[in-house]
């Protein structure tokens, strides 16, 4: 009798079996996150610096126009109040500004890449690679054509002294690295560039809507450590139309220019010519000029 019952189709038994099997795939109830986990996530959100959008990642100048020599005569005179006020200006800082100006208003070591929007995956294109490692931001260039790759951060200081410390694991000849400031945005590349070569020379240029203008042609700087395996502390003191270039706390040269307004993003760049340039950014900071 029982054998006949189970060998014959029974709709009630089939329905019961379907419901039993379906119940195995019902969603399980999720456990609520621990309070300390939520608090940690909120704290990380509040303290993290903004990650720059993808468009701000390293770009390169593929067609730099021929340099144009700029006049050394300023086009705007400083107001009398600026001249007569006994405040700290570029003309009365004879030595290392990082010492003379006290504590910076903004400083970042490279324990992580949040200041420059560099995550664990880093950044890479055909010429430039940027990633974090051993408390430095590592920048590599495979270019042999001088393609310029840059990385900017969010502050937009006005008159200031900007300084960065660079280590040079692999560097030779006209391989170049340095500072970007008064950058109008993250993507166009426009701004001022203070460059230092691995042969121990320095230069200064302005990149705007009309192309690149050379303000200081490459020339030797005695204070610059040349070659691989060295470390250089590179600085620019920008006050209105006056710019002072520094290496390792020593003044290299002063130049005047009014091509770009005060204010704008700050950052670092590199331009490879050897195909084997590696630069490590150890620290970057700026001081406001009062």
C-alpha atoms as a PDB file:
ATOM      1  CA  UNK A   1       0.000   0.000   0.000  1.00  0.00           C
ATOM      2  CA  UNK A   2       2.769   2.495   0.928  1.00  0.00           C
ATOM      3  CA  UNK A   3       4.776   1.531  -2.131  1.00  0.00           C
ATOM      4  CA  UNK A   4       1.828   2.353  -4.390  1.00  0.00           C
ATOM      5  CA  UNK A   5       1.249   5.711  -2.718  1.00  0.00           C
ATOM      6  CA  UNK A   6       4.798   7.037  -3.448  1.00  0.00           C
ATOM      7  CA  UNK A   7       4.988   5.593  -6.926  1.00  0.00           C
ATOM      8  CA  UNK A   8       1.809   7.468  -7.973  1.00  0.00           C
ATOM      9  CA  UNK A   9       1.894  11.242  -8.728  1.00  0.00           C
ATOM     10  CA  UNK A  10       0.492  13.157  -5.787  1.00  0.00           C
ATOM     11  CA  UNK A  11       0.184  16.979  -6.325  1.00  0.00           C
ATOM     12  CA  UNK A  12       0.130  17.741  -2.612  1.00  0.00           C
ATOM     13  CA  UNK A  13       3.364  15.888  -1.986  1.00  0.00           C
ATOM     14  CA  UNK A  14       5.062  17.615  -5.000  1.00  0.00           C
ATOM     15  CA  UNK A  15       4.030  21.041  -3.786  1.00  0.00           C
ATOM     16  CA  UNK A  16       5.367  20.276  -0.329  1.00  0.00           C
ATOM     17  CA  UNK A  17       8.764  19.219  -1.757  1.00  0.00           C
ATOM     18  CA  UNK A  18       9.032  22.366  -3.949  1.00  0.00           C
ATOM     19  CA  UNK A  19       8.408  24.640  -0.965  1.00  0.00           C
ATOM     20  CA  UNK A  20      10.933  22.727   1.119  1.00  0.00           C
ATOM     21  CA  UNK A  21      13.675  23.110  -1.522  1.00  0.00           C
ATOM     22  CA  UNK A  22      12.926  26.781  -2.192  1.00  0.00           C
ATOM     23  CA  UNK A  23      13.262  27.614   1.490  1.00  0.00           C
ATOM     24  CA  UNK A  24      16.972  26.696   1.305  1.00  0.00           C
ATOM     25  CA  UNK A  25      17.666  29.783  -0.877  1.00  0.00           C
ATOM     26  CA  UNK A  26      15.846  32.411   1.183  1.00  0.00           C
ATOM     27  CA  UNK A  27      18.108  35.351   2.135  1.00  0.00           C
ATOM     28  CA  UNK A  28      19.749  35.090   5.507  1.00  0.00           C
ATOM     29  CA  UNK A  29      19.361  37.916   8.013  1.00  0.00           C
ATOM     30  CA  UNK A  30      22.496  40.175   8.096  1.00  0.00           C
ATOM     31  CA  UNK A  31      24.142  40.879  11.419  1.00  0.00           C
ATOM     32  CA  UNK A  32      24.257  44.598  12.318  1.00  0.00           C
ATOM     33  CA  UNK A  33      27.768  46.153  12.166  1.00  0.00           C
ATOM     34  CA  UNK A  34      29.508  46.650  15.450  1.00  0.00           C
ATOM     35  CA  UNK A  35      29.336  50.185  16.844  1.00  0.00           C
ATOM     36  CA  UNK A  36      33.115  50.514  16.881  1.00  0.00           C
ATOM     37  CA  UNK A  37      33.263  49.620  13.161  1.00  0.00           C
ATOM     38  CA  UNK A  38      30.788  52.380  12.290  1.00  0.00           C
ATOM     39  CA  UNK A  39      32.692  54.887  14.415  1.00  0.00           C
ATOM     40  CA  UNK A  40      35.962  53.983  12.683  1.00  0.00           C
ATOM     41  CA  UNK A  41      34.437  54.406   9.225  1.00  0.00           C
ATOM     42  CA  UNK A  42      33.052  57.834  10.164  1.00  0.00           C
ATOM     43  CA  UNK A  43      36.406  58.925  11.589  1.00  0.00           C
ATOM     44  CA  UNK A  44      38.193  57.877   8.407  1.00  0.00           C
ATOM     45  CA  UNK A  45      35.708  59.823   6.309  1.00  0.00           C
ATOM     46  CA  UNK A  46      36.172  63.001   8.346  1.00  0.00           C
ATOM     47  CA  UNK A  47      39.963  62.913   8.414  1.00  0.00           C
ATOM     48  CA  UNK A  48      40.749  61.750   4.873  1.00  0.00           C
ATOM     49  CA  UNK A  49      41.788  64.357   2.314  1.00  0.00           C
ATOM     50  CA  UNK A  50      39.702  64.494  -0.875  1.00  0.00           C
ATOM     51  CA  UNK A  51      40.709  62.068  -3.594  1.00  0.00           C
ATOM     52  CA  UNK A  52      41.264  63.920  -6.833  1.00  0.00           C
ATOM     53  CA  UNK A  53      39.113  62.856  -9.791  1.00  0.00           C
ATOM     54  CA  UNK A  54      40.550  60.666 -12.506  1.00  0.00           C
ATOM     55  CA  UNK A  55      41.013  63.639 -14.810  1.00  0.00           C
ATOM     56  CA  UNK A  56      43.526  65.126 -12.390  1.00  0.00           C
ATOM     57  CA  UNK A  57      45.884  62.210 -12.628  1.00  0.00           C
ATOM     58  CA  UNK A  58      49.300  62.545 -14.167  1.00  0.00           C
ATOM     59  CA  UNK A  59      49.213  64.098 -17.609  1.00  0.00           C
ATOM     60  CA  UNK A  60      52.032  65.005 -19.930  1.00  0.00           C
ATOM     61  CA  UNK A  61      52.959  67.860 -22.213  1.00  0.00           C
ATOM     62  CA  UNK A  62      53.461  66.282 -25.613  1.00  0.00           C
ATOM     63  CA  UNK A  63      53.984  69.420 -27.642  1.00  0.00           C
ATOM     64  CA  UNK A  64      55.707  72.147 -25.672  1.00  0.00           C
ATOM     65  CA  UNK A  65      56.047  75.284 -27.833  1.00  0.00           C
ATOM     66  CA  UNK A  66      59.541  76.730 -28.372  1.00  0.00           C
ATOM     67  CA  UNK A  67      60.693  78.770 -25.371  1.00  0.00           C
ATOM     68  CA  UNK A  68      60.093  82.501 -25.502  1.00  0.00           C
ATOM     69  CA  UNK A  69      62.421  84.736 -23.538  1.00  0.00           C
ATOM     70  CA  UNK A  70      60.480  86.863 -21.086  1.00  0.00           C
ATOM     71  CA  UNK A  71      61.401  90.374 -20.038  1.00  0.00           C
ATOM     72  CA  UNK A  72      63.034  90.703 -16.649  1.00  0.00           C
ATOM     73  CA  UNK A  73      61.182  93.996 -16.100  1.00  0.00           C
ATOM     74  CA  UNK A  74      58.032  93.588 -13.982  1.00  0.00           C
ATOM     75  CA  UNK A  75      54.860  94.798 -15.656  1.00  0.00           C
ATOM     76  CA  UNK A  76      53.219  95.766 -12.380  1.00  0.00           C
ATOM     77  CA  UNK A  77      54.820  97.867  -9.664  1.00  0.00           C
ATOM     78  CA  UNK A  78      54.266  96.867  -6.053  1.00  0.00           C
ATOM     79  CA  UNK A  79      51.967  99.133  -4.100  1.00  0.00           C
ATOM     80  CA  UNK A  80      53.742 101.628  -1.787  1.00  0.00           C
ATOM     81  CA  UNK A  81      52.229  99.959   1.258  1.00  0.00           C
ATOM     82  CA  UNK A  82      53.934  96.704   0.315  1.00  0.00           C
ATOM     83  CA  UNK A  83      57.265  98.435  -0.167  1.00  0.00           C
ATOM     84  CA  UNK A  84      57.178 100.442   3.065  1.00  0.00           C
ATOM     85  CA  UNK A  85      55.609  97.892   5.414  1.00  0.00           C
ATOM     86  CA  UNK A  86      58.383  96.142   7.418  1.00  0.00           C
ATOM     87  CA  UNK A  87      56.982  92.646   6.893  1.00  0.00           C
ATOM     88  CA  UNK A  88      58.659  89.437   5.842  1.00  0.00           C
ATOM     89  CA  UNK A  89      59.166  89.640   2.051  1.00  0.00           C
ATOM     90  CA  UNK A  90      61.491  87.847  -0.384  1.00  0.00           C
ATOM     91  CA  UNK A  91      64.032  90.674  -0.249  1.00  0.00           C
ATOM     92  CA  UNK A  92      64.625  90.334   3.497  1.00  0.00           C
ATOM     93  CA  UNK A  93      64.963  86.543   3.715  1.00  0.00           C
ATOM     94  CA  UNK A  94      68.681  86.137   3.011  1.00  0.00           C
ATOM     95  CA  UNK A  95      68.919  82.468   3.917  1.00  0.00           C
ATOM     96  CA  UNK A  96      66.894  79.285   4.303  1.00  0.00           C
ATOM     97  CA  UNK A  97      63.174  80.289   4.276  1.00  0.00           C
ATOM     98  CA  UNK A  98      62.147  76.992   5.879  1.00  0.00           C
ATOM     99  CA  UNK A  99      64.097  78.075   8.960  1.00  0.00           C
ATOM    100  CA  UNK A 100      63.302  81.793   8.836  1.00  0.00           C
ATOM    101  CA  UNK A 101      59.535  81.349   8.469  1.00  0.00           C
ATOM    102  CA  UNK A 102      58.995  78.940  11.383  1.00  0.00           C
ATOM    103  CA  UNK A 103      56.345  76.225  11.197  1.00  0.00           C
ATOM    104  CA  UNK A 104      54.563  75.646   7.861  1.00  0.00           C
ATOM    105  CA  UNK A 105      50.820  76.165   7.636  1.00  0.00           C
ATOM    106  CA  UNK A 106      50.480  72.960   5.585  1.00  0.00           C
ATOM    107  CA  UNK A 107      52.814  69.969   5.505  1.00  0.00           C
ATOM    108  CA  UNK A 108      52.503  66.411   4.263  1.00  0.00           C
ATOM    109  CA  UNK A 109      54.847  63.484   4.679  1.00  0.00           C
ATOM    110  CA  UNK A 110      54.264  60.627   2.281  1.00  0.00           C
ATOM    111  CA  UNK A 111      53.127  57.958   4.721  1.00  0.00           C
ATOM    112  CA  UNK A 112      50.143  57.657   2.375  1.00  0.00           C
ATOM    113  CA  UNK A 113      49.035  59.216  -0.894  1.00  0.00           C
ATOM    114  CA  UNK A 114      45.774  60.864   0.149  1.00  0.00           C
ATOM    115  CA  UNK A 115      47.130  64.409  -0.328  1.00  0.00           C
ATOM    116  CA  UNK A 116      47.707  63.607  -4.017  1.00  0.00           C
ATOM    117  CA  UNK A 117      44.827  61.199  -4.558  1.00  0.00           C
ATOM    118  CA  UNK A 118      47.095  58.163  -4.941  1.00  0.00           C
ATOM    119  CA  UNK A 119      45.441  54.973  -3.732  1.00  0.00           C
ATOM    120  CA  UNK A 120      46.930  51.499  -3.253  1.00  0.00           C
ATOM    121  CA  UNK A 121      46.635  50.805  -6.980  1.00  0.00           C
ATOM    122  CA  UNK A 122      48.768  53.836  -7.894  1.00  0.00           C
ATOM    123  CA  UNK A 123      48.618  55.527 -11.285  1.00  0.00           C
ATOM    124  CA  UNK A 124      50.118  54.544 -14.642  1.00  0.00           C
ATOM    125  CA  UNK A 125      50.070  55.745 -18.248  1.00  0.00           C
ATOM    126  CA  UNK A 126      52.406  55.277 -21.209  1.00  0.00           C
ATOM    127  CA  UNK A 127      55.065  57.583 -19.752  1.00  0.00           C
ATOM    128  CA  UNK A 128      54.540  58.108 -16.045  1.00  0.00           C
ATOM    129  CA  UNK A 129      54.000  55.794 -13.074  1.00  0.00           C
ATOM    130  CA  UNK A 130      53.150  57.018  -9.558  1.00  0.00           C
ATOM    131  CA  UNK A 131      52.672  54.848  -6.484  1.00  0.00           C
ATOM    132  CA  UNK A 132      53.368  54.784  -2.760  1.00  0.00           C
ATOM    133  CA  UNK A 133      56.087  52.841  -0.965  1.00  0.00           C
ATOM    134  CA  UNK A 134      58.322  53.080   2.123  1.00  0.00           C
ATOM    135  CA  UNK A 135      56.816  56.431   3.217  1.00  0.00           C
ATOM    136  CA  UNK A 136      57.552  58.158  -0.101  1.00  0.00           C
ATOM    137  CA  UNK A 137      55.568  58.877  -3.265  1.00  0.00           C
ATOM    138  CA  UNK A 138      57.508  57.196  -6.064  1.00  0.00           C
ATOM    139  CA  UNK A 139      57.366  58.796  -9.507  1.00  0.00           C
ATOM    140  CA  UNK A 140      58.869  57.064 -12.535  1.00  0.00           C
ATOM    141  CA  UNK A 141      59.219  58.212 -16.127  1.00  0.00           C
ATOM    142  CA  UNK A 142      59.872  55.903 -19.068  1.00  0.00           C
ATOM    143  CA  UNK A 143      60.056  58.813 -21.488  1.00  0.00           C
ATOM    144  CA  UNK A 144      63.103  59.705 -23.560  1.00  0.00           C
ATOM    145  CA  UNK A 145      61.369  62.749 -25.067  1.00  0.00           C
ATOM    146  CA  UNK A 146      60.925  64.957 -22.009  1.00  0.00           C
ATOM    147  CA  UNK A 147      57.209  64.305 -21.533  1.00  0.00           C
ATOM    148  CA  UNK A 148      56.115  66.195 -18.442  1.00  0.00           C
ATOM    149  CA  UNK A 149      54.028  64.338 -15.869  1.00  0.00           C
ATOM    150  CA  UNK A 150      52.600  66.216 -12.910  1.00  0.00           C
ATOM    151  CA  UNK A 151      50.529  65.608  -9.796  1.00  0.00           C
ATOM    152  CA  UNK A 152      48.644  68.348  -7.924  1.00  0.00           C
ATOM    153  CA  UNK A 153      47.084  68.572  -4.498  1.00  0.00           C
ATOM    154  CA  UNK A 154      44.092  70.531  -3.226  1.00  0.00           C
ATOM    155  CA  UNK A 155      45.435  73.657  -1.405  1.00  0.00           C
ATOM    156  CA  UNK A 156      45.544  76.928  -3.380  1.00  0.00           C
ATOM    157  CA  UNK A 157      47.857  79.248  -1.413  1.00  0.00           C
ATOM    158  CA  UNK A 158      48.455  82.852  -2.434  1.00  0.00           C
ATOM    159  CA  UNK A 159      51.855  84.352  -1.547  1.00  0.00           C
ATOM    160  CA  UNK A 160      53.888  81.569  -0.011  1.00  0.00           C
ATOM    161  CA  UNK A 161      57.112  79.616   0.245  1.00  0.00           C
ATOM    162  CA  UNK A 162      56.691  76.115  -1.180  1.00  0.00           C
ATOM    163  CA  UNK A 163      59.266  73.397  -0.584  1.00  0.00           C
ATOM    164  CA  UNK A 164      59.586  69.678  -1.312  1.00  0.00           C
ATOM    165  CA  UNK A 165      62.252  67.102  -0.522  1.00  0.00           C
ATOM    166  CA  UNK A 166      63.156  64.746  -3.379  1.00  0.00           C
ATOM    167  CA  UNK A 167      65.241  61.556  -3.280  1.00  0.00           C
ATOM    168  CA  UNK A 168      66.829  60.428  -6.558  1.00  0.00           C
ATOM    169  CA  UNK A 169      67.239  56.636  -6.809  1.00  0.00           C
ATOM    170  CA  UNK A 170      67.713  56.708 -10.593  1.00  0.00           C
ATOM    171  CA  UNK A 171      68.533  59.964 -12.312  1.00  0.00           C
ATOM    172  CA  UNK A 172      70.949  61.214 -14.987  1.00  0.00           C
ATOM    173  CA  UNK A 173      71.701  64.041 -17.409  1.00  0.00           C
ATOM    174  CA  UNK A 174      68.721  66.191 -18.357  1.00  0.00           C
ATOM    175  CA  UNK A 175      66.174  64.135 -16.441  1.00  0.00           C
ATOM    176  CA  UNK A 176      64.155  66.758 -14.591  1.00  0.00           C
ATOM    177  CA  UNK A 177      61.893  67.100 -11.562  1.00  0.00           C
ATOM    178  CA  UNK A 178      60.566  69.919  -9.412  1.00  0.00           C
ATOM    179  CA  UNK A 179      57.638  72.042  -8.230  1.00  0.00           C
ATOM    180  CA  UNK A 180      54.390  73.224  -9.789  1.00  0.00           C
ATOM    181  CA  UNK A 181      52.459  76.169  -8.330  1.00  0.00           C
ATOM    182  CA  UNK A 182      49.719  78.645  -9.260  1.00  0.00           C
ATOM    183  CA  UNK A 183      48.177  75.887 -11.373  1.00  0.00           C
ATOM    184  CA  UNK A 184      44.787  77.074 -12.589  1.00  0.00           C
ATOM    185  CA  UNK A 185      43.211  73.599 -12.561  1.00  0.00           C
ATOM    186  CA  UNK A 186      44.048  69.920 -12.352  1.00  0.00           C
ATOM    187  CA  UNK A 187      43.931  69.084 -16.051  1.00  0.00           C
ATOM    188  CA  UNK A 188      45.327  71.823 -18.296  1.00  0.00           C
ATOM    189  CA  UNK A 189      48.919  71.775 -17.029  1.00  0.00           C
ATOM    190  CA  UNK A 190      48.998  75.564 -16.841  1.00  0.00           C
ATOM    191  CA  UNK A 191      51.042  77.048 -14.012  1.00  0.00           C
ATOM    192  CA  UNK A 192      54.607  77.901 -12.991  1.00  0.00           C
ATOM    193  CA  UNK A 193      57.277  75.179 -13.090  1.00  0.00           C
ATOM    194  CA  UNK A 194      60.542  75.257 -11.175  1.00  0.00           C
ATOM    195  CA  UNK A 195      62.687  72.457 -12.559  1.00  0.00           C
ATOM    196  CA  UNK A 196      65.954  70.867 -11.412  1.00  0.00           C
ATOM    197  CA  UNK A 197      67.943  68.503 -13.615  1.00  0.00           C
ATOM    198  CA  UNK A 198      69.988  65.509 -12.540  1.00  0.00           C
ATOM    199  CA  UNK A 199      73.086  67.248 -13.899  1.00  0.00           C
ATOM    200  CA  UNK A 200      72.663  69.958 -11.239  1.00  0.00           C
ATOM    201  CA  UNK A 201      70.976  72.719 -13.256  1.00  0.00           C
ATOM    202  CA  UNK A 202      67.767  74.640 -12.599  1.00  0.00           C
ATOM    203  CA  UNK A 203      65.189  76.448 -14.725  1.00  0.00           C
ATOM    204  CA  UNK A 204      61.925  78.316 -14.362  1.00  0.00           C
ATOM    205  CA  UNK A 205      59.022  78.588 -16.794  1.00  0.00           C
ATOM    206  CA  UNK A 206      55.410  79.657 -17.116  1.00  0.00           C
ATOM    207  CA  UNK A 207      52.840  77.552 -18.960  1.00  0.00           C
ATOM    208  CA  UNK A 208      49.654  79.429 -19.868  1.00  0.00           C
ATOM    209  CA  UNK A 209      47.081  79.540 -22.667  1.00  0.00           C
ATOM    210  CA  UNK A 210      49.700  80.867 -25.058  1.00  0.00           C
ATOM    211  CA  UNK A 211      52.190  78.043 -24.465  1.00  0.00           C
ATOM    212  CA  UNK A 212      55.425  77.849 -22.486  1.00  0.00           C
ATOM    213  CA  UNK A 213      57.504  80.920 -21.634  1.00  0.00           C
ATOM    214  CA  UNK A 214      61.016  80.375 -20.318  1.00  0.00           C
ATOM    215  CA  UNK A 215      61.730  82.799 -17.467  1.00  0.00           C
ATOM    216  CA  UNK A 216      65.100  81.302 -16.492  1.00  0.00           C
ATOM    217  CA  UNK A 217      67.080  79.172 -18.924  1.00  0.00           C
ATOM    218  CA  UNK A 218      68.831  76.114 -17.489  1.00  0.00           C
ATOM    219  CA  UNK A 219      71.963  77.071 -15.602  1.00  0.00           C
ATOM    220  CA  UNK A 220      74.172  75.403 -12.973  1.00  0.00           C
ATOM    221  CA  UNK A 221      73.210  75.722  -9.326  1.00  0.00           C
ATOM    222  CA  UNK A 222      76.051  75.159  -6.865  1.00  0.00           C
ATOM    223  CA  UNK A 223      73.654  74.204  -4.080  1.00  0.00           C
ATOM    224  CA  UNK A 224      72.049  71.396  -6.106  1.00  0.00           C
ATOM    225  CA  UNK A 225      73.228  67.819  -5.487  1.00  0.00           C
ATOM    226  CA  UNK A 226      73.646  66.215  -8.919  1.00  0.00           C
ATOM    227  CA  UNK A 227      73.442  62.577  -9.940  1.00  0.00           C
ATOM    228  CA  UNK A 228      71.651  59.493  -8.633  1.00  0.00           C
ATOM    229  CA  UNK A 229      71.540  58.586  -4.973  1.00  0.00           C
ATOM    230  CA  UNK A 230      71.246  62.210  -3.817  1.00  0.00           C
ATOM    231  CA  UNK A 231      68.556  64.189  -1.996  1.00  0.00           C
ATOM    232  CA  UNK A 232      67.559  67.778  -2.796  1.00  0.00           C
ATOM    233  CA  UNK A 233      65.277  70.152  -0.953  1.00  0.00           C
ATOM    234  CA  UNK A 234      63.784  72.402  -3.627  1.00  0.00           C
ATOM    235  CA  UNK A 235      61.877  75.601  -2.821  1.00  0.00           C
ATOM    236  CA  UNK A 236      60.151  78.563  -4.451  1.00  0.00           C
ATOM    237  CA  UNK A 237      59.236  81.776  -2.655  1.00  0.00           C
ATOM    238  CA  UNK A 238      56.396  83.480  -4.547  1.00  0.00           C
ATOM    239  CA  UNK A 239      55.263  86.933  -3.436  1.00  0.00           C
ATOM    240  CA  UNK A 240      53.178  88.815  -5.982  1.00  0.00           C
ATOM    241  CA  UNK A 241      55.266  89.137  -9.141  1.00  0.00           C
ATOM    242  CA  UNK A 242      58.522  88.250  -7.381  1.00  0.00           C
ATOM    243  CA  UNK A 243      59.920  84.713  -7.327  1.00  0.00           C
ATOM    244  CA  UNK A 244      62.973  83.368  -5.528  1.00  0.00           C
ATOM    245  CA  UNK A 245      64.305  79.904  -6.341  1.00  0.00           C
ATOM    246  CA  UNK A 246      66.050  77.850  -3.636  1.00  0.00           C
ATOM    247  CA  UNK A 247      67.957  74.580  -3.393  1.00  0.00           C
ATOM    248  CA  UNK A 248      68.825  73.063  -0.021  1.00  0.00           C
ATOM    249  CA  UNK A 249      68.142  76.377   1.707  1.00  0.00           C
ATOM    250  CA  UNK A 250      70.369  78.436  -0.598  1.00  0.00           C
ATOM    251  CA  UNK A 251      69.131  81.153  -2.945  1.00  0.00           C
ATOM    252  CA  UNK A 252      69.662  80.302  -6.614  1.00  0.00           C
ATOM    253  CA  UNK A 253      68.091  83.280  -8.377  1.00  0.00           C
ATOM    254  CA  UNK A 254      65.291  85.848  -8.263  1.00  0.00           C
ATOM    255  CA  UNK A 255      63.043  86.705 -11.195  1.00  0.00           C
ATOM    256  CA  UNK A 256      59.981  88.889 -11.826  1.00  0.00           C
ATOM    257  CA  UNK A 257      56.892  87.883 -13.808  1.00  0.00           C
ATOM    258  CA  UNK A 258      53.218  88.829 -13.896  1.00  0.00           C
ATOM    259  CA  UNK A 259      51.921  86.224 -16.330  1.00  0.00           C
ATOM    260  CA  UNK A 260      49.737  84.294 -13.858  1.00  0.00           C
ATOM    261  CA  UNK A 261      47.662  85.549 -10.935  1.00  0.00           C
ATOM    262  CA  UNK A 262      48.487  84.704  -7.324  1.00  0.00           C
ATOM    263  CA  UNK A 263      46.842  81.582  -6.005  1.00  0.00           C
ATOM    264  CA  UNK A 264      46.365  78.168  -7.554  1.00  0.00           C
ATOM    265  CA  UNK A 265      47.122  74.531  -6.887  1.00  0.00           C
ATOM    266  CA  UNK A 266      50.553  73.254  -5.877  1.00  0.00           C
ATOM    267  CA  UNK A 267      52.290  69.995  -6.706  1.00  0.00           C
ATOM    268  CA  UNK A 268      55.277  68.214  -8.205  1.00  0.00           C
ATOM    269  CA  UNK A 269      56.365  67.103 -11.664  1.00  0.00           C
ATOM    270  CA  UNK A 270      58.990  65.096 -13.529  1.00  0.00           C
ATOM    271  CA  UNK A 271      60.164  64.993 -17.143  1.00  0.00           C
ATOM    272  CA  UNK A 272      62.228  62.031 -18.272  1.00  0.00           C
ATOM    273  CA  UNK A 273      64.862  62.049 -20.985  1.00  0.00           C
ATOM    274  CA  UNK A 274      66.856  58.900 -20.142  1.00  0.00           C
ATOM    275  CA  UNK A 275      63.929  56.457 -20.025  1.00  0.00           C
ATOM    276  CA  UNK A 276      64.982  55.506 -16.500  1.00  0.00           C
ATOM    277  CA  UNK A 277      64.082  58.379 -14.170  1.00  0.00           C
ATOM    278  CA  UNK A 278      62.874  57.582 -10.650  1.00  0.00           C
ATOM    279  CA  UNK A 279      62.129  60.344  -8.146  1.00  0.00           C
ATOM    280  CA  UNK A 280      60.820  59.921  -4.608  1.00  0.00           C
ATOM    281  CA  UNK A 281      58.814  62.706  -2.976  1.00  0.00           C
ATOM    282  CA  UNK A 282      59.630  62.522   0.729  1.00  0.00           C
ATOM    283  CA  UNK A 283      57.842  65.637   2.019  1.00  0.00           C
ATOM    284  CA  UNK A 284      56.078  68.764   0.793  1.00  0.00           C
ATOM    285  CA  UNK A 285      55.045  71.888   2.731  1.00  0.00           C
ATOM    286  CA  UNK A 286      54.232  75.559   2.324  1.00  0.00           C
ATOM    287  CA  UNK A 287      54.417  78.664   4.493  1.00  0.00           C
ATOM    288  CA  UNK A 288      52.160  81.716   4.074  1.00  0.00           C
ATOM    289  CA  UNK A 289      53.879  85.076   3.660  1.00  0.00           C
ATOM    290  CA  UNK A 290      52.345  87.759   5.867  1.00  0.00           C
END
